[in-house]
Amino acid sequence: MEFTHKKIEELEKAAKPNLAYHNGRSYYEFEGYKLDRITQVLKEELDEKGLDAWRKRVGDSAADLISKNAMARGSAVHKMAEAYINNDCTCQYDNEVLPFGMFERMKPALDRISNIAGIEIPMVSEAYGIAGTADIIAFFDGELCIIDLKTSTKYREERWNRKYYLQEMFYAMAFQEMTKIRIKTLVTIIVSEQGDLQVIKQDCETWEPELKQVLTQHMKKIRSAM
């Protein structure tokens, strides 16, 4: 399949943050300021009792190993998916059998993407002083969407995906700040090691109020610490 790429002029012209590293921690720089990452903000602000309980149950060593393997798996699948929609996929990954199999399961969902505005796009919200990188901004089923690619060990229940939707909502909100164009739909594409493919659409209006509440709470903590 040949994917179409169609730049959005407003996004191309918008000033974008740069990812930087210091003392082992990553952050974004924008117009001389250091900005927190949306992933880190959500990690700090959202209740992760379930994750803490899992880590306690399996032990720190096992949890660290599982997390490391999951990150490697996710990075490999992302690399293949991005090459595919960039029309640059050789599809020869002899040393990455599991990620390649997961990528193959993901392809029917990727084939619903068109008019790709950008892949791995740095995004910034000047209103909240936070930045991040959106996986894909493109049309999905004929509608401009924020598209996020995820991998999982098994089928993900809806209650586990709250952080995903809030992260995607941030990209939609930052996109509107940067371009004055409103995106209405978030798309999460999840493939599991067991072969499950989930394509989940969410309405931005559902998640925007909660995200603003979380970001406002984060800003208050920062101001109180000054």
C-alpha atoms as a PDB file:
ATOM      1  CA  MET A   1       0.000   0.000   0.000  1.00  0.00           C
ATOM      2  CA  GLU A   2       1.219   3.516  -0.850  1.00  0.00           C
ATOM      3  CA  PHE A   3       0.509   6.111   1.827  1.00  0.00           C
ATOM      4  CA  THR A   4      -0.192   9.750   1.000  1.00  0.00           C
ATOM      5  CA  HIS A   5       1.583  12.498   2.929  1.00  0.00           C
ATOM      6  CA  LYS A   6      -0.011  15.925   3.018  1.00  0.00           C
ATOM      7  CA  LYS A   7       1.542  18.646   5.133  1.00  0.00           C
ATOM      8  CA  ILE A   8      -0.607  21.042   7.137  1.00  0.00           C
ATOM      9  CA  GLU A   9       0.804  24.509   6.507  1.00  0.00           C
ATOM     10  CA  GLU A  10      -0.113  25.841   9.953  1.00  0.00           C
ATOM     11  CA  LEU A  11       1.692  22.928  11.627  1.00  0.00           C
ATOM     12  CA  GLU A  12       4.761  23.318   9.432  1.00  0.00           C
ATOM     13  CA  LYS A  13       5.054  27.011  10.326  1.00  0.00           C
ATOM     14  CA  ALA A  14       4.451  26.571  14.060  1.00  0.00           C
ATOM     15  CA  ALA A  15       7.420  26.843  16.444  1.00  0.00           C
ATOM     16  CA  LYS A  16       8.232  23.441  17.958  1.00  0.00           C
ATOM     17  CA  PRO A  17      10.086  22.322  21.098  1.00  0.00           C
ATOM     18  CA  ASN A  18      13.399  20.468  21.090  1.00  0.00           C
ATOM     19  CA  LEU A  19      14.039  17.343  23.160  1.00  0.00           C
ATOM     20  CA  ALA A  20      17.064  17.656  25.459  1.00  0.00           C
ATOM     21  CA  TYR A  21      18.780  15.574  28.143  1.00  0.00           C
ATOM     22  CA  HIS A  22      20.444  16.477  31.427  1.00  0.00           C
ATOM     23  CA  ASN A  23      21.642  14.181  34.220  1.00  0.00           C
ATOM     24  CA  GLY A  24      19.827  11.223  32.719  1.00  0.00           C
ATOM     25  CA  ARG A  25      16.464  13.005  32.516  1.00  0.00           C
ATOM     26  CA  SER A  26      14.824  14.228  29.353  1.00  0.00           C
ATOM     27  CA  TYR A  27      12.877  17.435  28.958  1.00  0.00           C
ATOM     28  CA  TYR A  28      11.909  19.860  26.226  1.00  0.00           C
ATOM     29  CA  GLU A  29      13.356  23.267  25.447  1.00  0.00           C
ATOM     30  CA  PHE A  30      11.206  25.958  23.902  1.00  0.00           C
ATOM     31  CA  GLU A  31      12.175  29.579  23.400  1.00  0.00           C
ATOM     32  CA  GLY A  32      14.748  29.416  26.180  1.00  0.00           C
ATOM     33  CA  TYR A  33      12.540  27.594  28.701  1.00  0.00           C
ATOM     34  CA  LYS A  34      12.699  24.052  30.022  1.00  0.00           C
ATOM     35  CA  LEU A  35       9.367  22.275  29.737  1.00  0.00           C
ATOM     36  CA  ASP A  36       8.164  19.069  31.374  1.00  0.00           C
ATOM     37  CA  ARG A  37       7.154  16.104  29.243  1.00  0.00           C
ATOM     38  CA  ILE A  38       3.461  15.229  29.156  1.00  0.00           C
ATOM     39  CA  THR A  39       4.323  11.583  29.868  1.00  0.00           C
ATOM     40  CA  GLN A  40       6.136  12.570  33.059  1.00  0.00           C
ATOM     41  CA  VAL A  41       3.366  14.957  34.121  1.00  0.00           C
ATOM     42  CA  LEU A  42       0.721  12.244  33.772  1.00  0.00           C
ATOM     43  CA  LYS A  43       2.922   9.779  35.627  1.00  0.00           C
ATOM     44  CA  GLU A  44       3.255  12.209  38.530  1.00  0.00           C
ATOM     45  CA  GLU A  45      -0.364  13.357  38.637  1.00  0.00           C
ATOM     46  CA  LEU A  46      -2.387  10.203  38.012  1.00  0.00           C
ATOM     47  CA  ASP A  47      -3.133   7.562  40.593  1.00  0.00           C
ATOM     48  CA  GLU A  48      -0.974   4.519  39.819  1.00  0.00           C
ATOM     49  CA  LYS A  49      -1.918   2.266  42.733  1.00  0.00           C
ATOM     50  CA  GLY A  50      -2.540  -0.619  40.342  1.00  0.00           C
ATOM     51  CA  LEU A  51       0.962  -0.308  38.898  1.00  0.00           C
ATOM     52  CA  ASP A  52       2.485  -0.027  42.353  1.00  0.00           C
ATOM     53  CA  ALA A  53       0.594  -3.128  43.500  1.00  0.00           C
ATOM     54  CA  TRP A  54       1.813  -5.067  40.447  1.00  0.00           C
ATOM     55  CA  ARG A  55       5.418  -4.047  41.106  1.00  0.00           C
ATOM     56  CA  LYS A  56       5.106  -5.105  44.725  1.00  0.00           C
ATOM     57  CA  ARG A  57       3.565  -8.447  43.714  1.00  0.00           C
ATOM     58  CA  VAL A  58       6.218  -9.444  41.150  1.00  0.00           C
ATOM     59  CA  GLY A  59       9.181  -7.715  42.788  1.00  0.00           C
ATOM     60  CA  ASP A  60      11.340  -4.833  41.603  1.00  0.00           C
ATOM     61  CA  SER A  61      13.800  -6.952  39.602  1.00  0.00           C
ATOM     62  CA  ALA A  62      11.097  -8.757  37.652  1.00  0.00           C
ATOM     63  CA  ALA A  63       9.140  -5.530  37.144  1.00  0.00           C
ATOM     64  CA  ASP A  64      12.230  -3.754  35.798  1.00  0.00           C
ATOM     65  CA  LEU A  65      12.950  -6.596  33.373  1.00  0.00           C
ATOM     66  CA  ILE A  66       9.350  -6.760  32.143  1.00  0.00           C
ATOM     67  CA  SER A  67       9.281  -2.986  31.659  1.00  0.00           C
ATOM     68  CA  LYS A  68      12.604  -3.027  29.795  1.00  0.00           C
ATOM     69  CA  ASN A  69      11.413  -5.780  27.449  1.00  0.00           C
ATOM     70  CA  ALA A  70       8.111  -3.975  26.884  1.00  0.00           C
ATOM     71  CA  MET A  71       9.933  -0.773  25.945  1.00  0.00           C
ATOM     72  CA  ALA A  72      12.183  -2.622  23.502  1.00  0.00           C
ATOM     73  CA  ARG A  73       9.182  -4.397  21.972  1.00  0.00           C
ATOM     74  CA  GLY A  74       7.250  -1.149  21.645  1.00  0.00           C
ATOM     75  CA  SER A  75      10.188   0.695  20.089  1.00  0.00           C
ATOM     76  CA  ALA A  76      10.693  -2.058  17.522  1.00  0.00           C
ATOM     77  CA  VAL A  77       7.010  -2.129  16.508  1.00  0.00           C
ATOM     78  CA  HIS A  78       6.969   1.682  16.281  1.00  0.00           C
ATOM     79  CA  LYS A  79      10.042   1.623  14.032  1.00  0.00           C
ATOM     80  CA  MET A  80       8.409  -0.864  11.666  1.00  0.00           C
ATOM     81  CA  ALA A  81       5.058   0.956  11.630  1.00  0.00           C
ATOM     82  CA  GLU A  82       6.697   4.323  10.939  1.00  0.00           C
ATOM     83  CA  ALA A  83       8.775   2.872   8.115  1.00  0.00           C
ATOM     84  CA  TYR A  84       5.618   1.311   6.661  1.00  0.00           C
ATOM     85  CA  ILE A  85       3.562   4.505   6.595  1.00  0.00           C
ATOM     86  CA  ASN A  86       6.606   6.392   5.303  1.00  0.00           C
ATOM     87  CA  ASN A  87       6.545   4.008   2.331  1.00  0.00           C
ATOM     88  CA  ASP A  88      10.014   2.851   3.361  1.00  0.00           C
ATOM     89  CA  CYS A  89       9.382  -0.594   4.837  1.00  0.00           C
ATOM     90  CA  THR A  90      11.695  -3.424   3.778  1.00  0.00           C
ATOM     91  CA  CYS A  91       9.692  -5.799   6.004  1.00  0.00           C
ATOM     92  CA  GLN A  92      12.761  -7.915   6.700  1.00  0.00           C
ATOM     93  CA  TYR A  93      13.258  -8.274  10.434  1.00  0.00           C
ATOM     94  CA  ASP A  94      14.761 -11.723  10.928  1.00  0.00           C
ATOM     95  CA  ASN A  95      16.108 -10.861  14.377  1.00  0.00           C
ATOM     96  CA  GLU A  96      12.878  -9.313  15.681  1.00  0.00           C
ATOM     97  CA  VAL A  97      10.339 -12.081  15.240  1.00  0.00           C
ATOM     98  CA  LEU A  98       7.883 -11.016  17.959  1.00  0.00           C
ATOM     99  CA  PRO A  99       7.781  -7.281  17.066  1.00  0.00           C
ATOM    100  CA  PHE A 100       7.492  -8.145  13.377  1.00  0.00           C
ATOM    101  CA  GLY A 101       4.553 -10.448  14.053  1.00  0.00           C
ATOM    102  CA  MET A 102       2.864  -7.709  16.090  1.00  0.00           C
ATOM    103  CA  PHE A 103       3.512  -5.184  13.326  1.00  0.00           C
ATOM    104  CA  GLU A 104       1.913  -7.532  10.797  1.00  0.00           C
ATOM    105  CA  ARG A 105      -1.181  -7.733  13.012  1.00  0.00           C
ATOM    106  CA  MET A 106      -1.250  -3.921  13.208  1.00  0.00           C
ATOM    107  CA  LYS A 107      -1.114  -3.337   9.444  1.00  0.00           C
ATOM    108  CA  PRO A 108      -4.897  -3.505   8.766  1.00  0.00           C
ATOM    109  CA  ALA A 109      -5.359  -0.585  11.176  1.00  0.00           C
ATOM    110  CA  LEU A 110      -2.437   1.330   9.673  1.00  0.00           C
ATOM    111  CA  ASP A 111      -4.001   0.889   6.243  1.00  0.00           C
ATOM    112  CA  ARG A 112      -6.908   3.080   7.399  1.00  0.00           C
ATOM    113  CA  ILE A 113      -4.516   6.061   7.652  1.00  0.00           C
ATOM    114  CA  SER A 114      -4.239   8.669   4.868  1.00  0.00           C
ATOM    115  CA  ASN A 115      -3.052  12.247   4.269  1.00  0.00           C
ATOM    116  CA  ILE A 116      -0.290  12.008   6.859  1.00  0.00           C
ATOM    117  CA  ALA A 117       0.590  15.449   8.230  1.00  0.00           C
ATOM    118  CA  GLY A 118       3.455  14.240  10.373  1.00  0.00           C
ATOM    119  CA  ILE A 119       5.097  11.381  12.257  1.00  0.00           C
ATOM    120  CA  GLU A 120       6.842  11.856  15.609  1.00  0.00           C
ATOM    121  CA  ILE A 121       5.917  15.544  15.765  1.00  0.00           C
ATOM    122  CA  PRO A 122       7.148  17.655  18.711  1.00  0.00           C
ATOM    123  CA  MET A 123       4.175  19.457  20.246  1.00  0.00           C
ATOM    124  CA  VAL A 124       3.985  22.261  22.806  1.00  0.00           C
ATOM    125  CA  SER A 125       1.312  23.875  24.914  1.00  0.00           C
ATOM    126  CA  GLU A 126       2.530  27.326  25.851  1.00  0.00           C
ATOM    127  CA  ALA A 127      -0.570  27.771  28.003  1.00  0.00           C
ATOM    128  CA  TYR A 128       0.565  24.971  30.344  1.00  0.00           C
ATOM    129  CA  GLY A 129       4.318  24.940  29.711  1.00  0.00           C
ATOM    130  CA  ILE A 130       4.332  21.279  28.718  1.00  0.00           C
ATOM    131  CA  ALA A 131       5.531  19.468  25.590  1.00  0.00           C
ATOM    132  CA  GLY A 132       5.551  16.021  24.039  1.00  0.00           C
ATOM    133  CA  THR A 133       5.844  14.112  20.787  1.00  0.00           C
ATOM    134  CA  ALA A 134       2.773  12.861  18.948  1.00  0.00           C
ATOM    135  CA  ASP A 135       3.122   9.514  17.161  1.00  0.00           C
ATOM    136  CA  ILE A 136       1.036  10.399  14.110  1.00  0.00           C
ATOM    137  CA  ILE A 137      -1.189  13.255  12.990  1.00  0.00           C
ATOM    138  CA  ALA A 138      -3.149  12.135   9.960  1.00  0.00           C
ATOM    139  CA  PHE A 139      -6.556  11.243   8.629  1.00  0.00           C
ATOM    140  CA  PHE A 140      -8.036   8.006   9.958  1.00  0.00           C
ATOM    141  CA  ASP A 141     -11.191   6.710   8.292  1.00  0.00           C
ATOM    142  CA  GLY A 142     -11.364  10.058   6.496  1.00  0.00           C
ATOM    143  CA  GLU A 143     -11.093  12.305   9.585  1.00  0.00           C
ATOM    144  CA  LEU A 144      -8.124  14.281  10.933  1.00  0.00           C
ATOM    145  CA  CYS A 145      -7.056  12.584  14.176  1.00  0.00           C
ATOM    146  CA  ILE A 146      -4.346  12.173  16.741  1.00  0.00           C
ATOM    147  CA  ILE A 147      -3.150   8.588  16.284  1.00  0.00           C
ATOM    148  CA  ASP A 148      -1.173   6.757  18.947  1.00  0.00           C
ATOM    149  CA  LEU A 149       0.472   3.346  18.517  1.00  0.00           C
ATOM    150  CA  LYS A 150       0.724   1.070  21.534  1.00  0.00           C
ATOM    151  CA  THR A 151       1.877  -2.474  22.273  1.00  0.00           C
ATOM    152  CA  SER A 152       0.763  -4.715  25.088  1.00  0.00           C
ATOM    153  CA  THR A 153       1.389  -8.141  26.543  1.00  0.00           C
ATOM    154  CA  LYS A 154      -2.311  -9.008  26.310  1.00  0.00           C
ATOM    155  CA  TYR A 155      -5.680  -7.526  25.362  1.00  0.00           C
ATOM    156  CA  ARG A 156      -6.130  -4.232  27.203  1.00  0.00           C
ATOM    157  CA  GLU A 157      -9.291  -3.604  29.147  1.00  0.00           C
ATOM    158  CA  GLU A 158     -10.828  -0.153  28.731  1.00  0.00           C
ATOM    159  CA  ARG A 159     -10.149   0.826  32.346  1.00  0.00           C
ATOM    160  CA  TRP A 160      -6.390   0.528  31.744  1.00  0.00           C
ATOM    161  CA  ASN A 161      -6.274   3.135  28.968  1.00  0.00           C
ATOM    162  CA  ARG A 162      -7.052   6.390  30.778  1.00  0.00           C
ATOM    163  CA  LYS A 163      -3.470   7.653  30.580  1.00  0.00           C
ATOM    164  CA  TYR A 164      -3.333   6.889  26.858  1.00  0.00           C
ATOM    165  CA  TYR A 165      -6.388   9.031  26.142  1.00  0.00           C
ATOM    166  CA  LEU A 166      -5.194  11.921  28.286  1.00  0.00           C
ATOM    167  CA  GLN A 167      -1.804  11.884  26.570  1.00  0.00           C
ATOM    168  CA  GLU A 168      -3.453  11.918  23.149  1.00  0.00           C
ATOM    169  CA  MET A 169      -5.797  14.689  24.302  1.00  0.00           C
ATOM    170  CA  PHE A 170      -2.767  16.779  25.181  1.00  0.00           C
ATOM    171  CA  TYR A 171      -1.488  16.444  21.621  1.00  0.00           C
ATOM    172  CA  ALA A 172      -4.882  17.484  20.262  1.00  0.00           C
ATOM    173  CA  MET A 173      -4.947  20.491  22.574  1.00  0.00           C
ATOM    174  CA  ALA A 174      -1.356  21.473  21.717  1.00  0.00           C
ATOM    175  CA  PHE A 175      -2.137  21.051  18.023  1.00  0.00           C
ATOM    176  CA  GLN A 176      -5.016  23.485  18.343  1.00  0.00           C
ATOM    177  CA  GLU A 177      -2.789  25.993  20.155  1.00  0.00           C
ATOM    178  CA  MET A 178      -0.141  25.701  17.460  1.00  0.00           C
ATOM    179  CA  THR A 179      -2.405  25.716  14.395  1.00  0.00           C
ATOM    180  CA  LYS A 180      -5.847  27.030  15.447  1.00  0.00           C
ATOM    181  CA  ILE A 181      -7.242  23.781  13.989  1.00  0.00           C
ATOM    182  CA  ARG A 182      -9.397  21.632  16.264  1.00  0.00           C
ATOM    183  CA  ILE A 183      -9.119  17.848  16.184  1.00  0.00           C
ATOM    184  CA  LYS A 184     -12.228  16.018  17.355  1.00  0.00           C
ATOM    185  CA  THR A 185     -11.132  12.390  17.540  1.00  0.00           C
ATOM    186  CA  LEU A 186      -8.345  10.409  19.221  1.00  0.00           C
ATOM    187  CA  VAL A 187      -7.348   7.020  17.821  1.00  0.00           C
ATOM    188  CA  THR A 188      -5.432   4.425  19.824  1.00  0.00           C
ATOM    189  CA  ILE A 189      -4.117   1.402  17.934  1.00  0.00           C
ATOM    190  CA  ILE A 190      -3.019  -1.387  20.274  1.00  0.00           C
ATOM    191  CA  VAL A 191      -1.509  -4.725  19.304  1.00  0.00           C
ATOM    192  CA  SER A 192      -0.736  -7.428  21.867  1.00  0.00           C
ATOM    193  CA  GLU A 193       1.802 -10.232  21.981  1.00  0.00           C
ATOM    194  CA  GLN A 194      -1.174 -12.605  21.778  1.00  0.00           C
ATOM    195  CA  GLY A 195      -2.204 -11.098  18.436  1.00  0.00           C
ATOM    196  CA  ASP A 196      -5.094  -8.911  19.568  1.00  0.00           C
ATOM    197  CA  LEU A 197      -5.638  -5.759  17.510  1.00  0.00           C
ATOM    198  CA  GLN A 198      -7.645  -2.978  19.150  1.00  0.00           C
ATOM    199  CA  VAL A 199      -8.641   0.233  17.376  1.00  0.00           C
ATOM    200  CA  ILE A 200     -10.206   2.589  19.891  1.00  0.00           C
ATOM    201  CA  LYS A 201     -11.719   5.939  18.977  1.00  0.00           C
ATOM    202  CA  GLN A 202     -12.380   8.568  21.631  1.00  0.00           C
ATOM    203  CA  ASP A 203     -14.103  11.936  21.404  1.00  0.00           C
ATOM    204  CA  CYS A 204     -11.875  14.833  22.484  1.00  0.00           C
ATOM    205  CA  GLU A 205     -14.810  16.428  24.300  1.00  0.00           C
ATOM    206  CA  THR A 206     -14.829  13.428  26.652  1.00  0.00           C
ATOM    207  CA  TRP A 207     -11.229  13.893  27.794  1.00  0.00           C
ATOM    208  CA  GLU A 208     -10.505  17.615  27.478  1.00  0.00           C
ATOM    209  CA  PRO A 209     -12.070  18.644  30.839  1.00  0.00           C
ATOM    210  CA  GLU A 210     -10.150  15.986  32.787  1.00  0.00           C
ATOM    211  CA  LEU A 211      -6.866  16.792  31.067  1.00  0.00           C
ATOM    212  CA  LYS A 212      -7.244  20.505  31.851  1.00  0.00           C
ATOM    213  CA  GLN A 213      -7.933  19.613  35.476  1.00  0.00           C
ATOM    214  CA  VAL A 214      -4.801  17.440  35.652  1.00  0.00           C
ATOM    215  CA  LEU A 215      -2.602  20.088  34.023  1.00  0.00           C
ATOM    216  CA  THR A 216      -3.988  22.854  36.232  1.00  0.00           C
ATOM    217  CA  GLN A 217      -3.260  20.719  39.280  1.00  0.00           C
ATOM    218  CA  HIS A 218       0.299  20.200  38.035  1.00  0.00           C
ATOM    219  CA  MET A 219       0.815  23.940  37.509  1.00  0.00           C
ATOM    220  CA  LYS A 220      -0.399  24.689  41.037  1.00  0.00           C
ATOM    221  CA  LYS A 221       2.135  22.232  42.484  1.00  0.00           C
ATOM    222  CA  ILE A 222       4.960  23.843  40.533  1.00  0.00           C
ATOM    223  CA  ARG A 223       3.972  27.344  41.658  1.00  0.00           C
ATOM    224  CA  SER A 224       3.655  26.285  45.290  1.00  0.00           C
ATOM    225  CA  ALA A 225       7.150  24.776  45.162  1.00  0.00           C
ATOM    226  CA  MET A 226       8.740  28.029  43.941  1.00  0.00           C
END
